N, C-alpha and C. Protein backbone atom coordinates (compact mmCIF):
# COMPACT_ATOMS: atom_id res chain seq x y z
N MET A 1 -217.65 138.33 92.59
CA MET A 1 -216.52 137.63 91.94
C MET A 1 -216.68 137.69 90.42
N LEU A 2 -217.89 137.40 89.95
CA LEU A 2 -218.13 137.43 88.50
C LEU A 2 -217.96 138.84 87.95
N ALA A 3 -218.39 139.81 88.77
CA ALA A 3 -218.27 141.19 88.32
C ALA A 3 -216.81 141.56 88.15
N ARG A 4 -215.99 141.14 89.13
CA ARG A 4 -214.55 141.43 89.02
C ARG A 4 -213.94 140.78 87.79
N LEU A 5 -214.35 139.51 87.51
CA LEU A 5 -213.78 138.81 86.35
C LEU A 5 -214.17 139.50 85.05
N ARG A 6 -215.44 140.00 84.99
CA ARG A 6 -215.85 140.68 83.76
C ARG A 6 -215.03 141.94 83.54
N ARG A 7 -214.72 142.69 84.68
CA ARG A 7 -213.95 143.91 84.52
C ARG A 7 -212.53 143.60 84.06
N ARG A 8 -212.00 142.47 84.51
CA ARG A 8 -210.61 142.12 84.16
C ARG A 8 -210.53 141.34 82.81
N ALA A 9 -211.64 140.91 82.25
CA ALA A 9 -211.62 140.12 81.01
C ALA A 9 -211.38 141.03 79.82
N THR A 10 -210.18 141.10 79.39
CA THR A 10 -209.81 141.89 78.20
C THR A 10 -209.55 140.92 77.04
N PHE A 11 -209.42 141.52 75.85
CA PHE A 11 -209.15 140.68 74.66
C PHE A 11 -207.83 139.94 74.81
N ALA A 12 -206.86 140.59 75.38
CA ALA A 12 -205.52 139.97 75.54
C ALA A 12 -205.59 138.80 76.52
N ASN A 13 -206.38 138.99 77.63
CA ASN A 13 -206.49 137.92 78.62
C ASN A 13 -207.18 136.69 78.01
N VAL A 14 -208.26 136.95 77.30
CA VAL A 14 -209.02 135.83 76.70
C VAL A 14 -208.16 135.09 75.66
N THR A 15 -207.45 135.86 74.86
CA THR A 15 -206.59 135.24 73.82
C THR A 15 -205.50 134.41 74.45
N SER A 16 -204.91 134.89 75.52
CA SER A 16 -203.85 134.14 76.19
C SER A 16 -204.39 132.84 76.78
N ALA A 17 -205.57 132.91 77.37
CA ALA A 17 -206.17 131.72 77.99
C ALA A 17 -206.50 130.67 76.93
N LEU A 18 -207.03 131.11 75.79
CA LEU A 18 -207.34 130.16 74.71
C LEU A 18 -206.08 129.50 74.16
N ALA A 19 -205.03 130.30 74.04
CA ALA A 19 -203.76 129.76 73.53
C ALA A 19 -203.22 128.70 74.47
N LEU A 20 -203.33 128.95 75.77
CA LEU A 20 -202.86 127.99 76.76
C LEU A 20 -203.70 126.71 76.72
N PHE A 21 -205.02 126.87 76.52
CA PHE A 21 -205.90 125.70 76.47
C PHE A 21 -205.59 124.82 75.24
N VAL A 22 -205.44 125.47 74.10
CA VAL A 22 -205.15 124.72 72.88
C VAL A 22 -203.82 124.00 72.99
N ALA A 23 -202.83 124.71 73.58
CA ALA A 23 -201.51 124.08 73.71
C ALA A 23 -201.57 122.85 74.59
N LEU A 24 -202.26 122.97 75.73
CA LEU A 24 -202.38 121.83 76.65
C LEU A 24 -203.23 120.73 76.04
N GLY A 25 -204.33 121.13 75.39
CA GLY A 25 -205.22 120.14 74.78
C GLY A 25 -204.56 119.40 73.63
N GLY A 26 -203.78 120.11 72.80
CA GLY A 26 -203.09 119.47 71.69
C GLY A 26 -202.09 118.45 72.15
N THR A 27 -201.33 118.73 73.19
CA THR A 27 -200.36 117.78 73.72
C THR A 27 -201.05 116.53 74.23
N SER A 28 -202.20 116.75 74.87
CA SER A 28 -202.95 115.61 75.39
C SER A 28 -203.48 114.75 74.26
N TYR A 29 -203.93 115.40 73.15
CA TYR A 29 -204.48 114.64 72.03
C TYR A 29 -203.40 113.81 71.34
N ALA A 30 -202.22 114.43 71.25
CA ALA A 30 -201.12 113.71 70.59
C ALA A 30 -200.73 112.47 71.35
N ALA A 31 -200.96 112.46 72.62
CA ALA A 31 -200.57 111.31 73.44
C ALA A 31 -201.56 110.17 73.35
N ILE A 32 -202.71 110.42 72.67
CA ILE A 32 -203.74 109.38 72.57
C ILE A 32 -203.31 108.34 71.53
N THR A 33 -203.45 107.06 71.81
CA THR A 33 -203.12 105.99 70.86
C THR A 33 -204.41 105.41 70.30
N LEU A 34 -204.32 104.91 69.01
CA LEU A 34 -205.48 104.32 68.37
C LEU A 34 -205.68 102.90 68.84
N PRO A 35 -206.90 102.52 69.12
CA PRO A 35 -207.14 101.13 69.53
C PRO A 35 -206.86 100.16 68.39
N ALA A 36 -206.59 98.92 68.74
CA ALA A 36 -206.29 97.89 67.73
C ALA A 36 -207.46 97.74 66.77
N ASN A 37 -207.11 97.55 65.49
CA ASN A 37 -208.09 97.30 64.43
C ASN A 37 -209.05 98.46 64.17
N SER A 38 -208.64 99.68 64.60
CA SER A 38 -209.54 100.83 64.42
C SER A 38 -209.39 101.46 63.04
N VAL A 39 -208.28 101.13 62.29
CA VAL A 39 -208.08 101.68 60.96
C VAL A 39 -208.35 100.58 59.93
N GLY A 40 -209.37 100.80 59.13
CA GLY A 40 -209.70 99.83 58.07
C GLY A 40 -209.53 100.45 56.71
N SER A 41 -209.97 99.74 55.66
CA SER A 41 -209.80 100.23 54.30
C SER A 41 -210.54 101.56 54.08
N ASP A 42 -211.64 101.77 54.81
CA ASP A 42 -212.40 103.02 54.65
C ASP A 42 -211.61 104.23 55.12
N GLN A 43 -210.67 103.99 56.08
CA GLN A 43 -209.89 105.12 56.61
C GLN A 43 -208.62 105.39 55.81
N ILE A 44 -208.31 104.57 54.81
CA ILE A 44 -207.09 104.74 54.04
C ILE A 44 -207.42 105.36 52.69
N ARG A 45 -206.77 106.47 52.37
CA ARG A 45 -207.02 107.17 51.12
C ARG A 45 -206.49 106.34 49.95
N THR A 46 -207.20 106.38 48.84
CA THR A 46 -206.78 105.65 47.64
C THR A 46 -205.37 106.08 47.24
N GLY A 47 -204.49 105.11 47.06
CA GLY A 47 -203.11 105.38 46.67
C GLY A 47 -202.22 105.82 47.81
N ALA A 48 -202.75 105.78 49.06
CA ALA A 48 -201.96 106.26 50.19
C ALA A 48 -200.91 105.26 50.63
N VAL A 49 -201.12 103.96 50.35
CA VAL A 49 -200.16 102.94 50.77
C VAL A 49 -199.30 102.54 49.57
N GLY A 50 -198.00 102.84 49.64
CA GLY A 50 -197.05 102.48 48.58
C GLY A 50 -196.11 101.41 49.06
N THR A 51 -195.13 101.09 48.22
CA THR A 51 -194.18 100.03 48.59
C THR A 51 -193.40 100.38 49.85
N SER A 52 -193.16 101.67 50.08
CA SER A 52 -192.38 102.05 51.27
C SER A 52 -193.16 101.80 52.56
N GLU A 53 -194.50 101.67 52.46
CA GLU A 53 -195.31 101.42 53.65
C GLU A 53 -195.48 99.92 53.93
N VAL A 54 -195.04 99.07 53.01
CA VAL A 54 -195.22 97.62 53.18
C VAL A 54 -193.93 97.01 53.72
N ARG A 55 -194.05 96.32 54.84
CA ARG A 55 -192.88 95.68 55.44
C ARG A 55 -192.39 94.54 54.55
N THR A 56 -191.09 94.35 54.46
CA THR A 56 -190.53 93.24 53.69
C THR A 56 -191.12 91.92 54.18
N GLY A 57 -191.69 91.16 53.25
CA GLY A 57 -192.32 89.90 53.63
C GLY A 57 -193.69 90.08 54.24
N GLY A 58 -194.21 91.32 54.25
CA GLY A 58 -195.49 91.58 54.89
C GLY A 58 -196.70 91.13 54.10
N VAL A 59 -196.54 90.94 52.78
CA VAL A 59 -197.65 90.50 51.94
C VAL A 59 -197.41 89.05 51.54
N GLY A 60 -198.29 88.17 51.99
CA GLY A 60 -198.18 86.74 51.66
C GLY A 60 -199.37 86.29 50.87
N ALA A 61 -199.46 84.98 50.66
CA ALA A 61 -200.55 84.44 49.85
C ALA A 61 -201.91 84.77 50.43
N ALA A 62 -202.00 84.81 51.79
CA ALA A 62 -203.28 85.08 52.43
C ALA A 62 -203.78 86.49 52.15
N GLU A 63 -202.87 87.43 51.82
CA GLU A 63 -203.25 88.82 51.56
C GLU A 63 -203.60 89.07 50.10
N ILE A 64 -203.40 88.10 49.23
CA ILE A 64 -203.64 88.30 47.80
C ILE A 64 -204.93 87.62 47.39
N ARG A 65 -205.84 88.39 46.79
CA ARG A 65 -207.11 87.85 46.34
C ARG A 65 -206.89 86.92 45.15
N THR A 66 -207.69 85.86 45.08
CA THR A 66 -207.60 84.93 43.96
C THR A 66 -207.74 85.68 42.63
N SER A 67 -206.83 85.42 41.72
CA SER A 67 -206.78 86.04 40.38
C SER A 67 -206.44 87.52 40.42
N ALA A 68 -205.95 88.02 41.57
CA ALA A 68 -205.62 89.44 41.66
C ALA A 68 -204.31 89.78 40.97
N VAL A 69 -203.41 88.81 40.88
CA VAL A 69 -202.11 89.05 40.24
C VAL A 69 -202.17 88.54 38.80
N ARG A 70 -202.06 89.47 37.86
CA ARG A 70 -202.09 89.13 36.44
C ARG A 70 -200.72 89.40 35.82
N ALA A 71 -200.62 89.12 34.51
CA ALA A 71 -199.33 89.29 33.83
C ALA A 71 -198.81 90.72 33.95
N SER A 72 -199.72 91.72 33.94
CA SER A 72 -199.28 93.12 34.00
C SER A 72 -198.69 93.48 35.36
N GLU A 73 -199.00 92.68 36.40
CA GLU A 73 -198.44 92.96 37.74
C GLU A 73 -197.09 92.27 37.96
N ILE A 74 -196.65 91.44 37.02
CA ILE A 74 -195.40 90.70 37.20
C ILE A 74 -194.30 91.32 36.37
N LYS A 75 -193.18 91.62 37.00
CA LYS A 75 -192.04 92.20 36.30
C LYS A 75 -191.46 91.19 35.34
N THR A 76 -191.02 91.66 34.17
CA THR A 76 -190.39 90.77 33.20
C THR A 76 -189.20 90.07 33.85
N GLY A 77 -189.20 88.74 33.78
CA GLY A 77 -188.13 87.96 34.40
C GLY A 77 -188.27 87.81 35.89
N GLY A 78 -189.42 88.26 36.44
CA GLY A 78 -189.60 88.24 37.89
C GLY A 78 -189.93 86.87 38.46
N VAL A 79 -190.41 85.97 37.62
CA VAL A 79 -190.76 84.63 38.08
C VAL A 79 -189.71 83.64 37.56
N GLY A 80 -188.99 83.04 38.49
CA GLY A 80 -187.97 82.04 38.15
C GLY A 80 -188.34 80.69 38.71
N ALA A 81 -187.42 79.75 38.58
CA ALA A 81 -187.69 78.38 39.03
C ALA A 81 -188.01 78.34 40.53
N SER A 82 -187.34 79.20 41.32
CA SER A 82 -187.56 79.17 42.77
C SER A 82 -188.94 79.67 43.16
N GLU A 83 -189.62 80.42 42.26
CA GLU A 83 -190.97 80.92 42.56
C GLU A 83 -192.07 79.95 42.11
N ILE A 84 -191.70 78.88 41.42
CA ILE A 84 -192.71 77.96 40.90
C ILE A 84 -192.76 76.70 41.76
N HIS A 85 -193.94 76.38 42.23
CA HIS A 85 -194.14 75.20 43.06
C HIS A 85 -193.92 73.93 42.24
N THR A 86 -193.36 72.91 42.83
CA THR A 86 -193.15 71.64 42.15
C THR A 86 -194.48 71.12 41.58
N ASP A 87 -194.47 70.76 40.32
CA ASP A 87 -195.63 70.25 39.60
C ASP A 87 -196.73 71.30 39.40
N ALA A 88 -196.39 72.59 39.60
CA ALA A 88 -197.42 73.62 39.44
C ALA A 88 -197.71 73.93 37.98
N VAL A 89 -196.76 73.72 37.10
CA VAL A 89 -196.96 74.00 35.68
C VAL A 89 -197.31 72.70 34.96
N ARG A 90 -198.54 72.66 34.43
CA ARG A 90 -199.01 71.49 33.70
C ARG A 90 -199.24 71.85 32.24
N ALA A 91 -199.67 70.88 31.48
CA ALA A 91 -199.83 71.09 30.04
C ALA A 91 -200.75 72.27 29.74
N LYS A 92 -201.84 72.45 30.52
CA LYS A 92 -202.80 73.51 30.20
C LYS A 92 -202.24 74.90 30.51
N GLU A 93 -201.14 74.97 31.30
CA GLU A 93 -200.52 76.27 31.58
C GLU A 93 -199.51 76.68 30.50
N ILE A 94 -199.21 75.80 29.57
CA ILE A 94 -198.20 76.08 28.55
C ILE A 94 -198.91 76.44 27.25
N LYS A 95 -198.56 77.60 26.69
CA LYS A 95 -199.17 78.04 25.44
C LYS A 95 -198.72 77.14 24.30
N SER A 96 -199.62 76.87 23.40
CA SER A 96 -199.30 76.02 22.25
C SER A 96 -198.13 76.61 21.47
N GLY A 97 -197.11 75.78 21.21
CA GLY A 97 -195.94 76.23 20.46
C GLY A 97 -194.92 76.98 21.29
N ALA A 98 -195.14 77.09 22.62
CA ALA A 98 -194.23 77.88 23.46
C ALA A 98 -192.94 77.15 23.78
N VAL A 99 -192.95 75.83 23.71
CA VAL A 99 -191.75 75.05 24.05
C VAL A 99 -191.07 74.60 22.76
N GLY A 100 -189.86 75.10 22.53
CA GLY A 100 -189.07 74.73 21.37
C GLY A 100 -187.77 74.07 21.78
N ASN A 101 -186.86 73.92 20.83
CA ASN A 101 -185.58 73.27 21.13
C ASN A 101 -184.82 73.98 22.23
N ASP A 102 -184.88 75.34 22.25
CA ASP A 102 -184.13 76.11 23.24
C ASP A 102 -184.62 75.86 24.66
N GLU A 103 -185.90 75.46 24.81
CA GLU A 103 -186.45 75.22 26.15
C GLU A 103 -186.19 73.80 26.65
N LEU A 104 -185.69 72.93 25.81
CA LEU A 104 -185.46 71.54 26.21
C LEU A 104 -184.01 71.33 26.60
N ALA A 105 -183.79 70.67 27.73
CA ALA A 105 -182.43 70.34 28.15
C ALA A 105 -181.88 69.23 27.27
N ALA A 106 -180.58 69.17 27.17
CA ALA A 106 -179.94 68.12 26.37
C ALA A 106 -180.38 66.75 26.88
N ASP A 107 -180.73 65.87 25.96
CA ASP A 107 -181.15 64.50 26.27
C ASP A 107 -182.43 64.44 27.11
N ALA A 108 -183.23 65.52 27.08
CA ALA A 108 -184.47 65.53 27.88
C ALA A 108 -185.55 64.64 27.26
N VAL A 109 -185.51 64.50 25.94
CA VAL A 109 -186.51 63.67 25.25
C VAL A 109 -185.88 62.34 24.89
N THR A 110 -186.37 61.27 25.49
CA THR A 110 -185.86 59.93 25.23
C THR A 110 -186.94 59.09 24.53
N GLY A 111 -186.57 57.86 24.17
CA GLY A 111 -187.48 57.00 23.43
C GLY A 111 -188.86 56.85 24.03
N PRO A 112 -188.98 56.59 25.34
CA PRO A 112 -190.31 56.42 25.94
C PRO A 112 -191.21 57.64 25.83
N LYS A 113 -190.61 58.85 25.61
CA LYS A 113 -191.41 60.08 25.52
C LYS A 113 -191.86 60.38 24.10
N VAL A 114 -191.41 59.57 23.12
CA VAL A 114 -191.79 59.79 21.73
C VAL A 114 -193.00 58.92 21.40
N LYS A 115 -194.05 59.54 20.87
CA LYS A 115 -195.27 58.82 20.53
C LYS A 115 -195.00 57.84 19.40
N ASP A 116 -195.52 56.63 19.55
CA ASP A 116 -195.35 55.62 18.51
C ASP A 116 -195.94 56.10 17.19
N GLY A 117 -195.17 55.92 16.13
CA GLY A 117 -195.63 56.30 14.81
C GLY A 117 -195.51 57.78 14.49
N SER A 118 -194.92 58.59 15.40
CA SER A 118 -194.84 60.03 15.17
C SER A 118 -193.59 60.44 14.38
N LEU A 119 -192.63 59.53 14.22
CA LEU A 119 -191.40 59.86 13.50
C LEU A 119 -191.46 59.35 12.07
N GLU A 120 -190.98 60.17 11.15
CA GLU A 120 -190.87 59.78 9.76
C GLU A 120 -189.40 59.49 9.45
N ALA A 121 -189.15 58.96 8.26
CA ALA A 121 -187.77 58.65 7.88
C ALA A 121 -186.88 59.89 7.93
N ALA A 122 -187.44 61.06 7.56
CA ALA A 122 -186.65 62.29 7.56
C ALA A 122 -186.19 62.69 8.95
N ASP A 123 -186.84 62.18 10.01
CA ASP A 123 -186.45 62.52 11.38
C ASP A 123 -185.31 61.67 11.89
N LEU A 124 -184.90 60.67 11.13
CA LEU A 124 -183.86 59.74 11.57
C LEU A 124 -182.52 60.08 10.93
N SER A 125 -181.44 59.66 11.58
CA SER A 125 -180.11 59.86 11.03
C SER A 125 -179.89 58.89 9.87
N ASP A 126 -178.86 59.17 9.08
CA ASP A 126 -178.55 58.29 7.96
C ASP A 126 -178.28 56.87 8.45
N ALA A 127 -177.56 56.75 9.57
CA ALA A 127 -177.24 55.42 10.11
C ALA A 127 -178.51 54.69 10.52
N ALA A 128 -179.47 55.42 11.12
CA ALA A 128 -180.71 54.78 11.56
C ALA A 128 -181.55 54.34 10.36
N ARG A 129 -181.59 55.17 9.32
CA ARG A 129 -182.35 54.79 8.13
C ARG A 129 -181.75 53.57 7.45
N SER A 130 -180.42 53.54 7.42
CA SER A 130 -179.75 52.40 6.81
C SER A 130 -180.05 51.13 7.58
N SER A 131 -180.07 51.25 8.92
CA SER A 131 -180.35 50.09 9.75
C SER A 131 -181.79 49.60 9.55
N LEU A 132 -182.73 50.54 9.44
CA LEU A 132 -184.12 50.17 9.26
C LEU A 132 -184.35 49.50 7.90
N ALA A 133 -183.51 49.84 6.95
CA ALA A 133 -183.67 49.22 5.64
C ALA A 133 -183.41 47.73 5.70
N GLY A 134 -182.77 47.29 6.77
CA GLY A 134 -182.58 45.86 7.01
C GLY A 134 -181.59 45.21 6.08
N ASN A 135 -180.65 46.05 5.49
CA ASN A 135 -179.64 45.49 4.58
C ASN A 135 -180.29 44.67 3.46
N ALA A 136 -181.46 45.10 3.03
CA ALA A 136 -182.17 44.36 1.98
C ALA A 136 -181.44 44.50 0.64
N PRO A 137 -181.40 43.43 -0.14
CA PRO A 137 -180.75 43.48 -1.46
C PRO A 137 -181.71 44.06 -2.50
N PHE A 138 -181.90 45.39 -2.47
CA PHE A 138 -182.80 46.01 -3.44
C PHE A 138 -182.16 45.96 -4.83
N ARG A 139 -182.96 45.61 -5.84
CA ARG A 139 -182.44 45.50 -7.19
C ARG A 139 -183.58 45.68 -8.18
N ALA A 140 -183.20 46.04 -9.38
CA ALA A 140 -184.21 46.21 -10.43
C ALA A 140 -183.55 46.03 -11.80
N ALA A 141 -184.22 45.29 -12.67
CA ALA A 141 -183.83 45.19 -14.08
C ALA A 141 -184.94 45.84 -14.88
N VAL A 142 -184.61 46.93 -15.61
CA VAL A 142 -185.62 47.76 -16.26
C VAL A 142 -185.34 47.84 -17.75
N ASP A 143 -186.39 47.64 -18.59
CA ASP A 143 -186.19 47.74 -20.04
C ASP A 143 -186.35 49.18 -20.49
N LYS A 144 -186.21 49.42 -21.79
CA LYS A 144 -186.24 50.79 -22.32
C LYS A 144 -187.56 51.51 -22.02
N ALA A 145 -188.64 50.76 -22.03
CA ALA A 145 -189.96 51.37 -21.83
C ALA A 145 -190.23 51.70 -20.37
N GLY A 146 -189.34 51.28 -19.48
CA GLY A 146 -189.55 51.54 -18.06
C GLY A 146 -190.32 50.45 -17.36
N THR A 147 -190.32 49.25 -17.95
CA THR A 147 -191.01 48.12 -17.32
C THR A 147 -190.03 47.34 -16.45
N LEU A 148 -190.47 47.02 -15.22
CA LEU A 148 -189.63 46.23 -14.32
C LEU A 148 -189.67 44.77 -14.78
N ALA A 149 -188.52 44.28 -15.27
CA ALA A 149 -188.45 42.90 -15.73
C ALA A 149 -188.11 41.96 -14.59
N ALA A 150 -187.38 42.43 -13.60
CA ALA A 150 -187.01 41.62 -12.44
C ALA A 150 -186.63 42.56 -11.31
N GLY A 151 -186.72 42.06 -10.07
CA GLY A 151 -186.34 42.88 -8.92
C GLY A 151 -187.50 43.08 -7.96
N ASN A 152 -187.34 44.02 -7.06
CA ASN A 152 -188.34 44.21 -6.01
C ASN A 152 -188.74 45.68 -5.84
N GLY A 153 -188.84 46.41 -6.92
CA GLY A 153 -189.28 47.80 -6.85
C GLY A 153 -190.37 48.07 -7.86
N THR A 154 -190.74 49.34 -7.98
CA THR A 154 -191.68 49.78 -9.00
C THR A 154 -190.99 50.87 -9.82
N VAL A 155 -191.32 50.96 -11.10
CA VAL A 155 -190.62 51.88 -11.99
C VAL A 155 -191.61 52.80 -12.69
N VAL A 156 -191.22 54.06 -12.84
CA VAL A 156 -191.98 55.03 -13.63
C VAL A 156 -191.01 55.71 -14.59
N ARG A 157 -191.36 55.70 -15.88
CA ARG A 157 -190.54 56.43 -16.86
C ARG A 157 -191.07 57.86 -16.92
N ASN A 158 -190.24 58.84 -16.57
CA ASN A 158 -190.66 60.23 -16.48
C ASN A 158 -190.43 61.01 -17.78
N GLY A 159 -189.61 60.47 -18.64
CA GLY A 159 -189.28 61.15 -19.90
C GLY A 159 -188.16 60.40 -20.57
N PRO A 160 -187.66 60.88 -21.71
CA PRO A 160 -186.57 60.19 -22.40
C PRO A 160 -185.37 59.97 -21.48
N GLY A 161 -185.04 58.71 -21.23
CA GLY A 161 -183.88 58.35 -20.43
C GLY A 161 -183.99 58.69 -18.95
N VAL A 162 -185.19 58.98 -18.43
CA VAL A 162 -185.36 59.33 -17.01
C VAL A 162 -186.33 58.35 -16.37
N TYR A 163 -185.83 57.61 -15.36
CA TYR A 163 -186.63 56.58 -14.70
C TYR A 163 -186.57 56.78 -13.18
N THR A 164 -187.71 56.61 -12.53
CA THR A 164 -187.78 56.64 -11.07
C THR A 164 -188.09 55.23 -10.59
N VAL A 165 -187.17 54.69 -9.76
CA VAL A 165 -187.36 53.36 -9.20
C VAL A 165 -187.64 53.51 -7.71
N ASP A 166 -188.79 53.01 -7.27
CA ASP A 166 -189.20 53.14 -5.86
C ASP A 166 -189.23 51.74 -5.24
N PHE A 167 -188.53 51.61 -4.07
CA PHE A 167 -188.45 50.31 -3.40
C PHE A 167 -189.39 50.19 -2.20
N GLY A 168 -190.14 51.25 -1.90
CA GLY A 168 -191.12 51.19 -0.82
C GLY A 168 -190.53 51.26 0.57
N LYS A 169 -189.20 51.36 0.67
CA LYS A 169 -188.53 51.53 1.96
C LYS A 169 -187.46 52.61 1.81
N ASP A 170 -187.11 53.20 2.92
CA ASP A 170 -186.14 54.29 2.89
C ASP A 170 -184.78 53.78 2.43
N VAL A 171 -184.31 54.31 1.30
CA VAL A 171 -183.00 53.92 0.78
C VAL A 171 -182.09 55.14 0.63
N SER A 172 -182.47 56.25 1.31
CA SER A 172 -181.73 57.50 1.14
C SER A 172 -180.32 57.43 1.71
N ALA A 173 -180.06 56.50 2.63
CA ALA A 173 -178.72 56.37 3.22
C ALA A 173 -177.96 55.18 2.65
N CYS A 174 -178.46 54.59 1.57
CA CYS A 174 -177.83 53.39 1.00
C CYS A 174 -176.87 53.76 -0.13
N PHE A 175 -176.20 52.75 -0.67
CA PHE A 175 -175.29 52.92 -1.78
C PHE A 175 -175.93 52.35 -3.05
N TYR A 176 -175.72 53.04 -4.19
CA TYR A 176 -176.37 52.65 -5.44
C TYR A 176 -175.31 52.32 -6.50
N SER A 177 -175.68 51.45 -7.39
CA SER A 177 -174.86 51.19 -8.59
C SER A 177 -175.79 50.79 -9.71
N ALA A 178 -175.47 51.27 -10.91
CA ALA A 178 -176.30 50.95 -12.07
C ALA A 178 -175.40 50.81 -13.29
N THR A 179 -175.85 50.04 -14.23
CA THR A 179 -175.11 49.85 -15.47
C THR A 179 -176.08 49.58 -16.60
N LEU A 180 -175.72 50.03 -17.79
CA LEU A 180 -176.53 49.69 -18.96
C LEU A 180 -176.35 48.21 -19.22
N ALA A 181 -177.46 47.50 -19.42
CA ALA A 181 -177.39 46.05 -19.58
C ALA A 181 -178.58 45.56 -20.39
N ALA A 182 -178.41 44.39 -20.97
CA ALA A 182 -179.51 43.80 -21.73
C ALA A 182 -180.62 43.34 -20.78
N VAL A 183 -181.84 43.67 -21.11
CA VAL A 183 -182.99 43.27 -20.32
C VAL A 183 -184.01 42.68 -21.29
N LYS A 184 -184.25 41.37 -21.12
CA LYS A 184 -185.12 40.64 -22.05
C LYS A 184 -184.62 40.83 -23.47
N THR A 185 -185.43 41.37 -24.37
CA THR A 185 -185.03 41.53 -25.77
C THR A 185 -184.36 42.87 -26.04
N ASP A 186 -184.31 43.77 -24.98
CA ASP A 186 -183.69 45.09 -25.17
C ASP A 186 -182.18 44.99 -24.94
N THR A 187 -181.43 45.55 -25.87
CA THR A 187 -179.98 45.64 -25.69
C THR A 187 -179.59 47.11 -25.71
N PRO A 188 -178.64 47.49 -24.82
CA PRO A 188 -178.29 48.91 -24.73
C PRO A 188 -177.37 49.36 -25.86
N ASP A 189 -177.50 50.61 -26.25
CA ASP A 189 -176.54 51.25 -27.16
C ASP A 189 -175.37 51.75 -26.32
N PRO A 190 -174.22 52.01 -26.96
CA PRO A 190 -173.10 52.57 -26.20
C PRO A 190 -173.52 53.89 -25.56
N GLY A 191 -173.33 53.99 -24.30
CA GLY A 191 -173.74 55.21 -23.61
C GLY A 191 -173.32 55.19 -22.15
N SER A 192 -174.06 55.89 -21.33
CA SER A 192 -173.72 56.00 -19.90
C SER A 192 -175.00 56.07 -19.07
N VAL A 193 -174.81 55.96 -17.73
CA VAL A 193 -175.94 56.02 -16.82
C VAL A 193 -175.52 56.76 -15.56
N THR A 194 -176.43 57.58 -14.99
CA THR A 194 -176.18 58.28 -13.73
C THR A 194 -177.31 57.98 -12.75
N ILE A 195 -177.00 58.15 -11.46
CA ILE A 195 -177.99 57.85 -10.41
C ILE A 195 -178.02 59.01 -9.43
N THR A 196 -179.21 59.41 -9.01
CA THR A 196 -179.39 60.42 -7.96
C THR A 196 -180.51 59.97 -7.03
N LYS A 197 -180.56 60.56 -5.85
CA LYS A 197 -181.66 60.28 -4.92
C LYS A 197 -182.96 60.79 -5.52
N GLY A 198 -184.01 60.05 -5.30
CA GLY A 198 -185.30 60.46 -5.81
C GLY A 198 -185.95 61.52 -4.94
N ALA A 199 -187.10 62.01 -5.38
CA ALA A 199 -187.83 63.03 -4.61
C ALA A 199 -188.28 62.48 -3.26
N ALA A 200 -188.58 61.18 -3.22
CA ALA A 200 -188.96 60.52 -1.96
C ALA A 200 -187.76 59.74 -1.44
N ALA A 201 -187.73 59.54 -0.12
CA ALA A 201 -186.62 58.80 0.49
C ALA A 201 -186.60 57.35 0.06
N THR A 202 -187.70 56.87 -0.49
CA THR A 202 -187.79 55.46 -0.91
C THR A 202 -187.43 55.26 -2.37
N SER A 203 -187.09 56.33 -3.08
CA SER A 203 -186.89 56.22 -4.53
C SER A 203 -185.50 56.65 -4.98
N ILE A 204 -185.16 56.21 -6.20
CA ILE A 204 -183.89 56.55 -6.85
C ILE A 204 -184.21 56.94 -8.28
N THR A 205 -183.53 57.97 -8.78
CA THR A 205 -183.72 58.40 -10.15
C THR A 205 -182.52 57.95 -10.99
N VAL A 206 -182.82 57.26 -12.09
CA VAL A 206 -181.80 56.76 -13.01
C VAL A 206 -181.93 57.51 -14.33
N ASN A 207 -180.79 58.02 -14.85
CA ASN A 207 -180.76 58.72 -16.13
C ASN A 207 -179.84 57.97 -17.09
N THR A 208 -180.35 57.64 -18.28
CA THR A 208 -179.56 56.92 -19.28
C THR A 208 -179.28 57.82 -20.47
N PHE A 209 -178.07 57.67 -21.05
CA PHE A 209 -177.63 58.55 -22.14
C PHE A 209 -177.01 57.71 -23.26
N ASN A 210 -177.08 58.26 -24.48
CA ASN A 210 -176.41 57.68 -25.65
C ASN A 210 -175.76 58.84 -26.39
N GLY A 211 -174.43 58.86 -26.38
CA GLY A 211 -173.71 59.96 -27.03
C GLY A 211 -173.97 61.30 -26.36
N GLY A 212 -174.22 61.30 -25.07
CA GLY A 212 -174.45 62.54 -24.34
C GLY A 212 -175.89 63.00 -24.35
N ALA A 213 -176.74 62.40 -25.12
CA ALA A 213 -178.15 62.78 -25.17
C ALA A 213 -178.99 61.79 -24.36
N ALA A 214 -179.99 62.32 -23.66
CA ALA A 214 -180.87 61.45 -22.87
C ALA A 214 -181.63 60.52 -23.81
N THR A 215 -181.43 59.23 -23.58
CA THR A 215 -182.05 58.23 -24.46
C THR A 215 -182.53 57.06 -23.63
N ASP A 216 -183.66 56.49 -24.00
CA ASP A 216 -184.17 55.31 -23.28
C ASP A 216 -183.22 54.14 -23.51
N GLU A 217 -182.73 53.58 -22.40
CA GLU A 217 -181.83 52.43 -22.46
C GLU A 217 -182.19 51.47 -21.33
N PRO A 218 -181.98 50.16 -21.55
CA PRO A 218 -182.23 49.20 -20.47
C PRO A 218 -181.08 49.24 -19.45
N PHE A 219 -181.40 48.94 -18.19
CA PHE A 219 -180.33 49.00 -17.18
C PHE A 219 -180.62 48.04 -16.02
N HIS A 220 -179.56 47.78 -15.27
CA HIS A 220 -179.67 47.04 -14.01
C HIS A 220 -179.31 48.01 -12.88
N LEU A 221 -180.07 47.96 -11.79
CA LEU A 221 -179.83 48.83 -10.63
C LEU A 221 -179.70 47.97 -9.39
N GLY A 222 -178.66 48.22 -8.59
CA GLY A 222 -178.48 47.53 -7.33
C GLY A 222 -178.33 48.53 -6.18
N VAL A 223 -178.92 48.22 -5.04
CA VAL A 223 -178.87 49.10 -3.88
C VAL A 223 -178.36 48.31 -2.69
N SER A 224 -177.35 48.82 -2.02
CA SER A 224 -176.78 48.16 -0.85
C SER A 224 -176.95 49.05 0.37
N CYS A 225 -177.58 48.51 1.41
CA CYS A 225 -177.85 49.30 2.63
C CYS A 225 -177.11 48.69 3.84
């Protein structure tokens, strides 16, 4: 029998038999299924898994390593209010200076949220400053040398006919009136007087003139708040 097979074994016969074996064997191999959990990270080529291989919703918090997602992995504008857990953003998560007027909702900051003593007079409205002044009857009688003869302020003579009267309280929203007047032994020459707000919110600048020239003159100043 073996002798007969050797005589009949030609190259064509052997090639045909091998082709038939491979064809049958390949079909059988294709039908084999992989057992569960048989493919791990070692079997996956680097970069082989892209977004098209990930099922929608297939990656959750359990699949993400702690600190694995950084700013470079987040699309600009990709994180909105719906992605942020309630109370998840605290003071330490906010960069210094990152919250400005544009980030605050209207009426979001109320009195209880303002630190005591953190507001200055410049932060208040004119009406509020006037109210804080307490409608005090601020007044001053000043002689030519810039000495306060009567009243409740302090006076500094800055130059010929230029006086700064400071009342120690915000008077920037108040009304002023001044007139040249006799103060003690000083009597005014014919002239005029002007008033402007001082450099500080608590002060008023008075300018006295005689014939259009700045000249030291005595005056009375009244402030109504």
